[in-house]
């Protein structure tokens, strides 16, 4: 799940960087600069290492729909995936 969402976020970020090279996205690159860093940011968001609102706010600079995608990922991973793992 983390890998699939990380690939989606990176694809959207790369598209934004190629379409708007003059746009300042340095804060996004700090958290989502590559696949390992993106997966680490997603992992920290779902386990409480960082507040998930901070990366979501950064992603909203690209597209407001990214907030929905990010919050859906957090809701699914925390409410569904982690509860199933804990129950087993």
N, C-alpha and C. Protein backbone atom coordinates (compact mmCIF):
# COMPACT_ATOMS: atom_id res chain seq x y z
N UNK A 1 0.84 -1.19 0.00
CA UNK A 1 0.00 0.00 0.00
C UNK A 1 0.88 1.25 0.00
N UNK A 2 1.88 1.26 0.87
CA UNK A 2 2.76 2.43 0.95
C UNK A 2 3.47 2.64 -0.38
N UNK A 3 3.94 1.55 -0.98
CA UNK A 3 4.66 1.66 -2.26
C UNK A 3 3.76 2.24 -3.35
N UNK A 4 2.53 1.76 -3.45
CA UNK A 4 1.61 2.23 -4.49
C UNK A 4 1.28 3.71 -4.31
N UNK A 5 1.02 4.13 -3.09
CA UNK A 5 0.70 5.54 -2.84
C UNK A 5 1.94 6.40 -3.09
N UNK A 6 3.12 5.90 -2.70
CA UNK A 6 4.36 6.65 -2.94
C UNK A 6 4.60 6.84 -4.43
N UNK A 7 4.36 5.81 -5.22
CA UNK A 7 4.54 5.94 -6.67
C UNK A 7 3.56 6.95 -7.25
N UNK A 8 2.33 6.95 -6.78
CA UNK A 8 1.32 7.91 -7.25
C UNK A 8 1.74 9.34 -6.90
N UNK A 9 2.16 9.56 -5.66
CA UNK A 9 2.57 10.90 -5.24
C UNK A 9 3.77 11.36 -6.04
N UNK A 10 4.74 10.49 -6.24
CA UNK A 10 5.92 10.87 -7.02
C UNK A 10 5.57 11.19 -8.47
N UNK A 11 4.67 10.43 -9.05
CA UNK A 11 4.28 10.71 -10.43
C UNK A 11 3.61 12.07 -10.55
N UNK A 12 2.74 12.40 -9.61
CA UNK A 12 2.09 13.71 -9.63
C UNK A 12 3.12 14.82 -9.43
N UNK A 13 4.07 14.60 -8.51
CA UNK A 13 5.11 15.60 -8.26
C UNK A 13 6.00 15.80 -9.47
N UNK A 14 6.40 14.73 -10.12
CA UNK A 14 7.25 14.84 -11.32
C UNK A 14 6.50 15.56 -12.44
N UNK A 15 5.22 15.23 -12.61
CA UNK A 15 4.43 15.93 -13.63
C UNK A 15 4.34 17.42 -13.34
N UNK A 16 4.17 17.78 -12.09
CA UNK A 16 4.09 19.19 -11.71
C UNK A 16 5.42 19.89 -11.95
N UNK A 17 6.52 19.22 -11.62
CA UNK A 17 7.84 19.83 -11.83
C UNK A 17 8.16 20.02 -13.30
N UNK A 18 7.73 19.08 -14.15
CA UNK A 18 8.00 19.24 -15.58
C UNK A 18 7.06 20.26 -16.22
N UNK A 19 5.83 20.34 -15.74
CA UNK A 19 4.89 21.31 -16.30
C UNK A 19 5.18 22.74 -15.85
N UNK A 20 5.64 22.91 -14.61
CA UNK A 20 5.90 24.24 -14.03
C UNK A 20 7.29 24.27 -13.42
N UNK A 21 8.34 24.36 -14.23
CA UNK A 21 9.70 24.30 -13.67
C UNK A 21 10.05 25.52 -12.81
N UNK A 22 9.34 26.63 -12.96
CA UNK A 22 9.65 27.83 -12.19
C UNK A 22 8.99 27.84 -10.81
N UNK A 23 8.07 26.94 -10.57
CA UNK A 23 7.35 26.89 -9.31
C UNK A 23 8.27 26.39 -8.19
N UNK A 24 8.23 27.05 -7.03
CA UNK A 24 9.08 26.66 -5.90
C UNK A 24 8.40 25.53 -5.12
N UNK A 25 8.93 24.33 -5.26
CA UNK A 25 8.39 23.17 -4.57
C UNK A 25 9.46 22.54 -3.68
N UNK A 26 10.34 23.36 -3.12
CA UNK A 26 11.45 22.83 -2.32
C UNK A 26 10.96 22.12 -1.06
N UNK A 27 9.86 22.60 -0.47
CA UNK A 27 9.35 21.93 0.73
C UNK A 27 8.79 20.54 0.38
N UNK A 28 8.22 20.42 -0.81
CA UNK A 28 7.73 19.11 -1.26
C UNK A 28 8.89 18.16 -1.53
N UNK A 29 9.95 18.68 -2.14
CA UNK A 29 11.09 17.84 -2.46
C UNK A 29 11.77 17.34 -1.19
N UNK A 30 11.70 18.12 -0.11
CA UNK A 30 12.30 17.69 1.16
C UNK A 30 11.60 16.45 1.70
N UNK A 31 10.27 16.36 1.56
CA UNK A 31 9.53 15.20 2.07
C UNK A 31 9.24 14.14 1.02
N UNK A 32 9.19 14.53 -0.23
CA UNK A 32 8.81 13.60 -1.30
C UNK A 32 9.83 13.61 -2.44
N UNK A 33 11.13 13.73 -2.12
CA UNK A 33 12.17 13.88 -3.13
C UNK A 33 12.54 12.62 -3.88
N UNK A 34 12.18 11.49 -3.39
CA UNK A 34 12.50 10.23 -4.05
C UNK A 34 11.61 9.15 -3.47
N UNK A 35 11.70 7.96 -4.03
CA UNK A 35 10.83 6.87 -3.57
C UNK A 35 11.09 6.50 -2.10
N UNK A 36 12.36 6.34 -1.68
CA UNK A 36 12.57 6.00 -0.26
C UNK A 36 12.08 7.10 0.69
N UNK A 37 12.33 8.36 0.33
CA UNK A 37 11.92 9.47 1.19
C UNK A 37 10.40 9.59 1.23
N UNK A 38 9.74 9.37 0.11
CA UNK A 38 8.28 9.41 0.06
C UNK A 38 7.68 8.29 0.91
N UNK A 39 8.23 7.10 0.79
CA UNK A 39 7.74 5.98 1.59
C UNK A 39 7.98 6.23 3.08
N UNK A 40 9.12 6.85 3.41
CA UNK A 40 9.42 7.17 4.80
C UNK A 40 8.44 8.22 5.34
N UNK A 41 8.11 9.22 4.53
CA UNK A 41 7.15 10.24 4.94
C UNK A 41 5.77 9.63 5.16
N UNK A 42 5.36 8.73 4.26
CA UNK A 42 4.07 8.05 4.42
C UNK A 42 4.06 7.19 5.67
N UNK A 43 5.15 6.47 5.91
CA UNK A 43 5.25 5.62 7.10
C UNK A 43 5.18 6.47 8.38
N UNK A 44 5.93 7.57 8.39
CA UNK A 44 5.91 8.44 9.58
C UNK A 44 4.52 9.04 9.78
N UNK A 45 3.83 9.35 8.70
CA UNK A 45 2.49 9.92 8.81
C UNK A 45 1.50 8.94 9.40
N UNK A 46 1.59 7.67 9.01
CA UNK A 46 0.61 6.71 9.50
C UNK A 46 0.94 6.16 10.88
N UNK A 47 2.18 6.29 11.32
CA UNK A 47 2.55 5.79 12.65
C UNK A 47 2.68 6.89 13.69
N UNK A 48 2.46 8.13 13.30
CA UNK A 48 2.51 9.23 14.27
C UNK A 48 3.87 9.88 14.40
N UNK A 49 4.80 9.56 13.52
CA UNK A 49 6.13 10.19 13.57
C UNK A 49 6.07 11.67 13.24
N UNK A 50 5.20 12.03 12.30
CA UNK A 50 4.92 13.43 11.99
C UNK A 50 3.41 13.57 11.85
N UNK A 51 2.94 14.77 12.00
CA UNK A 51 1.52 15.02 11.79
C UNK A 51 1.21 14.89 10.31
N UNK A 52 0.20 14.14 9.96
CA UNK A 52 -0.09 13.91 8.54
C UNK A 52 -0.60 15.16 7.86
N UNK A 53 -1.03 16.16 8.62
CA UNK A 53 -1.52 17.40 8.03
C UNK A 53 -0.43 18.22 7.36
N UNK A 54 0.81 18.11 7.85
CA UNK A 54 1.91 18.87 7.26
C UNK A 54 2.22 18.42 5.82
N UNK A 55 2.45 17.12 5.58
CA UNK A 55 2.67 16.70 4.19
C UNK A 55 1.44 16.91 3.31
N UNK A 56 0.25 16.76 3.88
CA UNK A 56 -0.97 16.97 3.09
C UNK A 56 -1.07 18.43 2.66
N UNK A 57 -0.71 19.35 3.54
CA UNK A 57 -0.73 20.77 3.18
C UNK A 57 0.29 21.07 2.08
N UNK A 58 1.43 20.41 2.14
CA UNK A 58 2.43 20.60 1.09
C UNK A 58 1.93 20.07 -0.24
N UNK A 59 1.26 18.91 -0.21
CA UNK A 59 0.74 18.33 -1.45
C UNK A 59 -0.39 19.16 -2.04
N UNK A 60 -1.08 19.93 -1.19
CA UNK A 60 -2.18 20.76 -1.71
C UNK A 60 -1.67 21.88 -2.60
N UNK A 61 -0.37 22.18 -2.52
CA UNK A 61 0.22 23.18 -3.43
C UNK A 61 0.18 22.69 -4.88
N UNK A 62 0.21 21.38 -5.05
CA UNK A 62 0.16 20.81 -6.40
C UNK A 62 -1.28 20.78 -6.89
N UNK A 63 -2.14 20.16 -6.09
CA UNK A 63 -3.54 20.00 -6.47
C UNK A 63 -4.35 19.81 -5.19
N UNK A 64 -5.45 20.54 -5.02
CA UNK A 64 -6.26 20.37 -3.81
C UNK A 64 -6.82 18.96 -3.64
N UNK A 65 -6.96 18.22 -4.71
CA UNK A 65 -7.46 16.84 -4.62
C UNK A 65 -6.45 15.93 -3.93
N UNK A 66 -5.20 16.34 -3.86
CA UNK A 66 -4.18 15.53 -3.19
C UNK A 66 -4.45 15.43 -1.69
N UNK A 67 -5.13 16.42 -1.12
CA UNK A 67 -5.49 16.35 0.30
C UNK A 67 -6.44 15.18 0.52
N UNK A 68 -7.41 15.02 -0.36
CA UNK A 68 -8.36 13.90 -0.25
C UNK A 68 -7.63 12.57 -0.40
N UNK A 69 -6.71 12.49 -1.35
CA UNK A 69 -5.97 11.25 -1.56
C UNK A 69 -5.13 10.92 -0.33
N UNK A 70 -4.45 11.91 0.22
CA UNK A 70 -3.57 11.69 1.37
C UNK A 70 -4.37 11.32 2.62
N UNK A 71 -5.47 12.03 2.84
CA UNK A 71 -6.29 11.70 4.02
C UNK A 71 -6.97 10.35 3.86
N UNK A 72 -7.31 9.96 2.64
CA UNK A 72 -7.87 8.62 2.41
C UNK A 72 -6.83 7.54 2.70
N UNK A 73 -5.59 7.79 2.31
CA UNK A 73 -4.51 6.85 2.62
C UNK A 73 -4.34 6.70 4.13
N UNK A 74 -4.33 7.82 4.85
CA UNK A 74 -4.15 7.78 6.30
C UNK A 74 -5.33 7.05 6.94
N UNK A 75 -6.55 7.37 6.52
CA UNK A 75 -7.73 6.71 7.09
C UNK A 75 -7.69 5.20 6.84
N UNK A 76 -7.38 4.80 5.61
CA UNK A 76 -7.33 3.37 5.30
C UNK A 76 -6.23 2.67 6.08
N UNK A 77 -5.04 3.26 6.09
CA UNK A 77 -3.92 2.58 6.73
C UNK A 77 -4.08 2.51 8.24
N UNK A 78 -4.58 3.55 8.87
CA UNK A 78 -4.71 3.54 10.32
C UNK A 78 -5.94 2.76 10.78
N UNK A 79 -7.07 3.02 10.15
CA UNK A 79 -8.31 2.40 10.60
C UNK A 79 -8.47 0.96 10.14
N UNK A 80 -8.03 0.64 8.96
CA UNK A 80 -8.24 -0.71 8.42
C UNK A 80 -7.00 -1.58 8.56
N UNK A 81 -5.93 -1.19 7.91
CA UNK A 81 -4.76 -2.04 7.82
C UNK A 81 -4.13 -2.30 9.19
N UNK A 82 -3.91 -1.27 9.98
CA UNK A 82 -3.25 -1.48 11.28
C UNK A 82 -4.16 -2.22 12.26
N UNK A 83 -5.46 -2.02 12.18
CA UNK A 83 -6.37 -2.75 13.06
C UNK A 83 -6.42 -4.23 12.72
N UNK A 84 -6.35 -4.56 11.45
CA UNK A 84 -6.33 -5.97 11.04
C UNK A 84 -5.04 -6.62 11.51
N UNK A 85 -3.92 -5.93 11.35
CA UNK A 85 -2.65 -6.48 11.80
C UNK A 85 -2.65 -6.67 13.31
N UNK A 86 -3.20 -5.71 14.04
CA UNK A 86 -3.25 -5.80 15.49
C UNK A 86 -4.18 -6.94 15.93
N UNK A 87 -5.27 -7.15 15.23
CA UNK A 87 -6.23 -8.19 15.59
C UNK A 87 -5.72 -9.59 15.36
N UNK A 88 -4.78 -9.77 14.46
CA UNK A 88 -4.25 -11.09 14.16
C UNK A 88 -3.22 -11.40 15.17
